[in-house]
PDB file of N, CA and C in Angstrom:
ATOM      1  N   MET A   1     110.570 114.430 167.543  1.00  0.00           N
ATOM      2  CA  MET A   1     111.212 113.115 167.570  1.00  0.00           C
ATOM      3  C   MET A   1     110.365 112.168 166.689  1.00  0.00           C
ATOM      4  N   PRO A   2     111.020 111.494 165.773  1.00  0.00           N
ATOM      5  CA  PRO A   2     110.241 110.577 164.934  1.00  0.00           C
ATOM      6  C   PRO A   2     109.644 109.390 165.693  1.00  0.00           C
ATOM      7  N   SER A   3     108.519 108.987 165.325  1.00  0.00           N
ATOM      8  CA  SER A   3     107.871 107.864 166.026  1.00  0.00           C
ATOM      9  C   SER A   3     108.668 106.565 165.928  1.00  0.00           C
ATOM     10  N   ALA A   4     109.584 106.488 164.930  1.00  0.00           N
ATOM     11  CA  ALA A   4     110.391 105.288 164.788  1.00  0.00           C
ATOM     12  C   ALA A   4     111.299 105.035 165.981  1.00  0.00           C
ATOM     13  N   TYR A   5     111.600 106.138 166.745  1.00  0.00           N
ATOM     14  CA  TYR A   5     112.395 105.914 167.935  1.00  0.00           C
ATOM     15  C   TYR A   5     111.675 105.202 169.088  1.00  0.00           C
ATOM     16  N   ILE A   6     110.309 105.433 169.118  1.00  0.00           N
ATOM     17  CA  ILE A   6     109.596 104.911 170.283  1.00  0.00           C
ATOM     18  C   ILE A   6     108.684 103.763 169.894  1.00  0.00           C
ATOM     19  N   ALA A   7     108.559 103.404 168.673  1.00  0.00           N
ATOM     20  CA  ALA A   7     107.665 102.314 168.238  1.00  0.00           C
ATOM     21  C   ALA A   7     108.252 100.956 168.640  1.00  0.00           C
ATOM     22  N   HIS A   8     107.364 100.008 169.035  1.00  0.00           N
ATOM     23  CA  HIS A   8     107.805  98.702 169.504  1.00  0.00           C
ATOM     24  C   HIS A   8     107.942  97.756 168.264  1.00  0.00           C
ATOM     25  N   LEU A   9     108.930  96.934 168.389  1.00  0.00           N
ATOM     26  CA  LEU A   9     109.103  95.917 167.344  1.00  0.00           C
ATOM     27  C   LEU A   9     109.082  94.531 168.077  1.00  0.00           C
ATOM     28  N   ASP A  10     108.385  93.558 167.542  1.00  0.00           N
ATOM     29  CA  ASP A  10     108.400  92.205 168.174  1.00  0.00           C
ATOM     30  C   ASP A  10     109.609  91.448 167.695  1.00  0.00           C
ATOM     31  N   ARG A  11     110.164  90.658 168.539  1.00  0.00           N
ATOM     32  CA  ARG A  11     111.249  89.767 168.186  1.00  0.00           C
ATOM     33  C   ARG A  11     110.724  88.379 168.035  1.00  0.00           C
ATOM     34  N   THR A  12     110.820  87.831 166.820  1.00  0.00           N
ATOM     35  CA  THR A  12     110.299  86.476 166.561  1.00  0.00           C
ATOM     36  C   THR A  12     111.326  85.427 166.929  1.00  0.00           C
ATOM     37  N   GLY A  13     110.935  84.544 167.836  1.00  0.00           N
ATOM     38  CA  GLY A  13     111.821  83.448 168.174  1.00  0.00           C
ATOM     39  C   GLY A  13     111.755  82.279 167.235  1.00  0.00           C
ATOM     40  N   PHE A  14     112.768  81.458 167.262  1.00  0.00           N
ATOM     41  CA  PHE A  14     112.825  80.309 166.320  1.00  0.00           C
ATOM     42  C   PHE A  14     112.603  79.035 167.117  1.00  0.00           C
ATOM     43  N   ASN A  15     111.611  78.303 166.733  1.00  0.00           N
ATOM     44  CA  ASN A  15     111.232  77.005 167.358  1.00  0.00           C
ATOM     45  C   ASN A  15     111.269  75.816 166.419  1.00  0.00           C
ATOM     46  N   GLY A  16     111.926  75.910 165.275  1.00  0.00           N
ATOM     47  CA  GLY A  16     111.820  74.898 164.290  1.00  0.00           C
ATOM     48  C   GLY A  16     112.821  73.747 164.446  1.00  0.00           C
ATOM     49  N   ASN A  17     112.490  72.739 163.680  1.00  0.00           N
ATOM     50  CA  ASN A  17     113.328  71.537 163.712  1.00  0.00           C
ATOM     51  C   ASN A  17     113.770  71.059 162.331  1.00  0.00           C
ATOM     52  N   THR A  18     113.255  71.651 161.287  1.00  0.00           N
ATOM     53  CA  THR A  18     113.469  71.141 159.958  1.00  0.00           C
ATOM     54  C   THR A  18     113.950  72.242 159.077  1.00  0.00           C
ATOM     55  N   TYR A  19     114.491  71.841 157.890  1.00  0.00           N
ATOM     56  CA  TYR A  19     114.908  72.844 156.905  1.00  0.00           C
ATOM     57  C   TYR A  19     113.767  73.704 156.422  1.00  0.00           C
ATOM     58  N   GLY A  20     112.559  73.141 156.334  1.00  0.00           N
ATOM     59  CA  GLY A  20     111.390  73.936 156.019  1.00  0.00           C
ATOM     60  C   GLY A  20     111.091  75.012 157.020  1.00  0.00           C
ATOM     61  N   ASP A  21     111.274  74.688 158.317  1.00  0.00           N
ATOM     62  CA  ASP A  21     111.091  75.609 159.394  1.00  0.00           C
ATOM     63  C   ASP A  21     112.117  76.788 159.267  1.00  0.00           C
ATOM     64  N   ILE A  22     113.354  76.458 158.915  1.00  0.00           N
ATOM     65  CA  ILE A  22     114.422  77.459 158.691  1.00  0.00           C
ATOM     66  C   ILE A  22     114.064  78.366 157.548  1.00  0.00           C
ATOM     67  N   THR A  23     113.498  77.801 156.476  1.00  0.00           N
ATOM     68  CA  THR A  23     113.126  78.584 155.310  1.00  0.00           C
ATOM     69  C   THR A  23     112.044  79.563 155.669  1.00  0.00           C
ATOM     70  N   GLN A  24     110.985  79.088 156.370  1.00  0.00           N
ATOM     71  CA  GLN A  24     109.904  79.923 156.747  1.00  0.00           C
ATOM     72  C   GLN A  24     110.374  81.007 157.733  1.00  0.00           C
ATOM     73  N   TYR A  25     111.275  80.678 158.637  1.00  0.00           N
ATOM     74  CA  TYR A  25     111.807  81.670 159.596  1.00  0.00           C
ATOM     75  C   TYR A  25     112.623  82.743 158.889  1.00  0.00           C
ATOM     76  N   SER A  26     113.334  82.355 157.845  1.00  0.00           N
ATOM     77  CA  SER A  26     114.189  83.319 157.085  1.00  0.00           C
ATOM     78  C   SER A  26     113.276  84.383 156.375  1.00  0.00           C
ATOM     79  N   VAL A  27     112.147  83.953 155.955  1.00  0.00           N
ATOM     80  CA  VAL A  27     111.143  84.872 155.327  1.00  0.00           C
ATOM     81  C   VAL A  27     110.663  85.894 156.409  1.00  0.00           C
ATOM     82  N   ILE A  28     110.396  85.386 157.575  1.00  0.00           N
ATOM     83  CA  ILE A  28     109.989  86.260 158.725  1.00  0.00           C
ATOM     84  C   ILE A  28     111.088  87.215 159.045  1.00  0.00           C
ATOM     85  N   LEU A  29     112.304  86.769 159.132  1.00  0.00           N
ATOM     86  CA  LEU A  29     113.468  87.597 159.415  1.00  0.00           C
ATOM     87  C   LEU A  29     113.614  88.727 158.345  1.00  0.00           C
ATOM     88  N   LYS A  30     113.408  88.352 157.089  1.00  0.00           N
ATOM     89  CA  LYS A  30     113.588  89.299 156.031  1.00  0.00           C
ATOM     90  C   LYS A  30     112.540  90.415 156.161  1.00  0.00           C
ATOM     91  N   ARG A  31     111.293  90.038 156.466  1.00  0.00           N
ATOM     92  CA  ARG A  31     110.189  91.000 156.713  1.00  0.00           C
ATOM     93  C   ARG A  31     110.592  91.946 157.821  1.00  0.00           C
ATOM     94  N   GLU A  32     111.075  91.398 158.964  1.00  0.00           N
ATOM     95  CA  GLU A  32     111.436  92.175 160.140  1.00  0.00           C
ATOM     96  C   GLU A  32     112.612  93.093 159.807  1.00  0.00           C
ATOM     97  N   ARG A  33     113.526  92.630 159.037  1.00  0.00           N
ATOM     98  CA  ARG A  33     114.681  93.435 158.641  1.00  0.00           C
ATOM     99  C   ARG A  33     114.199  94.632 157.831  1.00  0.00           C
ATOM    100  N   ASP A  34     113.277  94.351 156.879  1.00  0.00           N
ATOM    101  CA  ASP A  34     112.752  95.422 155.998  1.00  0.00           C
ATOM    102  C   ASP A  34     112.015  96.473 156.869  1.00  0.00           C
ATOM    103  N   MET A  35     111.300  95.997 157.870  1.00  0.00           N
ATOM    104  CA  MET A  35     110.630  96.985 158.781  1.00  0.00           C
ATOM    105  C   MET A  35     111.674  97.884 159.512  1.00  0.00           C
ATOM    106  N   CYS A  36     112.743  97.258 159.962  1.00  0.00           N
ATOM    107  CA  CYS A  36     113.778  98.005 160.634  1.00  0.00           C
ATOM    108  C   CYS A  36     114.467  99.000 159.679  1.00  0.00           C
ATOM    109  N   LEU A  37     114.748  98.557 158.481  1.00  0.00           N
ATOM    110  CA  LEU A  37     115.375  99.457 157.509  1.00  0.00           C
ATOM    111  C   LEU A  37     114.416 100.629 157.225  1.00  0.00           C
ATOM    112  N   ASN A  38     113.205 100.373 157.090  1.00  0.00           N
ATOM    113  CA  ASN A  38     112.208 101.481 156.839  1.00  0.00           C
ATOM    114  C   ASN A  38     112.243 102.439 157.996  1.00  0.00           C
ATOM    115  N   ARG A  39     112.321 102.018 159.232  1.00  0.00           N
ATOM    116  CA  ARG A  39     112.419 102.948 160.347  1.00  0.00           C
ATOM    117  C   ARG A  39     113.664 103.737 160.370  1.00  0.00           C
ATOM    118  N   ILE A  40     114.791 103.069 159.941  1.00  0.00           N
ATOM    119  CA  ILE A  40     116.074 103.796 159.873  1.00  0.00           C
ATOM    120  C   ILE A  40     115.958 104.881 158.827  1.00  0.00           C
ATOM    121  N   ASP A  41     115.351 104.539 157.704  1.00  0.00           N
ATOM    122  CA  ASP A  41     115.213 105.594 156.674  1.00  0.00           C
ATOM    123  C   ASP A  41     114.389 106.748 157.190  1.00  0.00           C
ATOM    124  N   LYS A  42     113.340 106.450 157.932  1.00  0.00           N
ATOM    125  CA  LYS A  42     112.553 107.641 158.523  1.00  0.00           C
ATOM    126  C   LYS A  42     113.300 108.441 159.490  1.00  0.00           C
ATOM    127  N   ILE A  43     114.125 107.841 160.296  1.00  0.00           N
ATOM    128  CA  ILE A  43     115.033 108.545 161.231  1.00  0.00           C
ATOM    129  C   ILE A  43     115.972 109.450 160.447  1.00  0.00           C
ATOM    130  N   ARG A  44     116.559 108.876 159.401  1.00  0.00           N
ATOM    131  CA  ARG A  44     117.500 109.662 158.573  1.00  0.00           C
ATOM    132  C   ARG A  44     116.825 110.866 157.965  1.00  0.00           C
ATOM    133  N   GLU A  45     115.600 110.688 157.430  1.00  0.00           N
ATOM    134  CA  GLU A  45     114.865 111.769 156.859  1.00  0.00           C
ATOM    135  C   GLU A  45     114.565 112.791 157.894  1.00  0.00           C
ATOM    136  N   TRP A  46     114.155 112.391 159.123  1.00  0.00           N
ATOM    137  CA  TRP A  46     113.943 113.341 160.179  1.00  0.00           C
ATOM    138  C   TRP A  46     115.161 114.133 160.549  1.00  0.00           C
ATOM    139  N   GLN A  47     116.352 113.435 160.579  1.00  0.00           N
ATOM    140  CA  GLN A  47     117.568 114.139 160.843  1.00  0.00           C
ATOM    141  C   GLN A  47     117.912 115.214 159.832  1.00  0.00           C
ATOM    142  N   VAL A  48     117.703 114.814 158.569  1.00  0.00           N
ATOM    143  CA  VAL A  48     117.954 115.789 157.464  1.00  0.00           C
ATOM    144  C   VAL A  48     117.036 116.996 157.587  1.00  0.00           C
ATOM    145  N   GLU A  49     115.802 116.780 157.888  1.00  0.00           N
ATOM    146  CA  GLU A  49     114.806 117.867 158.002  1.00  0.00           C
ATOM    147  C   GLU A  49     115.112 118.780 159.173  1.00  0.00           C
ATOM    148  N   ASN A  50     115.614 118.203 160.293  1.00  0.00           N
ATOM    149  CA  ASN A  50     115.898 119.028 161.455  1.00  0.00           C
ATOM    150  C   ASN A  50     117.216 119.656 161.477  1.00  0.00           C
ATOM    151  N   THR A  51     118.157 119.197 160.644  1.00  0.00           N
ATOM    152  CA  THR A  51     119.444 119.883 160.563  1.00  0.00           C
ATOM    153  C   THR A  51     119.416 121.049 159.612  1.00  0.00           C
ATOM    154  N   GLN A  52     118.434 121.104 158.743  1.00  0.00           N
ATOM    155  CA  GLN A  52     118.343 122.200 157.806  1.00  0.00           C
ATOM    156  C   GLN A  52     117.697 123.425 158.380  1.00  0.00           C
ATOM    157  N   HIS A  53     117.010 123.288 159.530  1.00  0.00           N
ATOM    158  CA  HIS A  53     116.284 124.453 160.166  1.00  0.00           C
ATOM    159  C   HIS A  53     117.127 125.072 161.158  1.00  0.00           C
TER     160      HIS A  53
END
């Protein structure tokens, strides 16, 4: 089983009040999204490797 299945991800809450806060939060969300996409890619690779055997 790939470690991506069991690894913990933090969920970042939004506590802002300004457009600047929203901009900063969007950068954080993009980084978190990229981490999730990387994990999905690893799961897909694991599935391909395990269906070939």
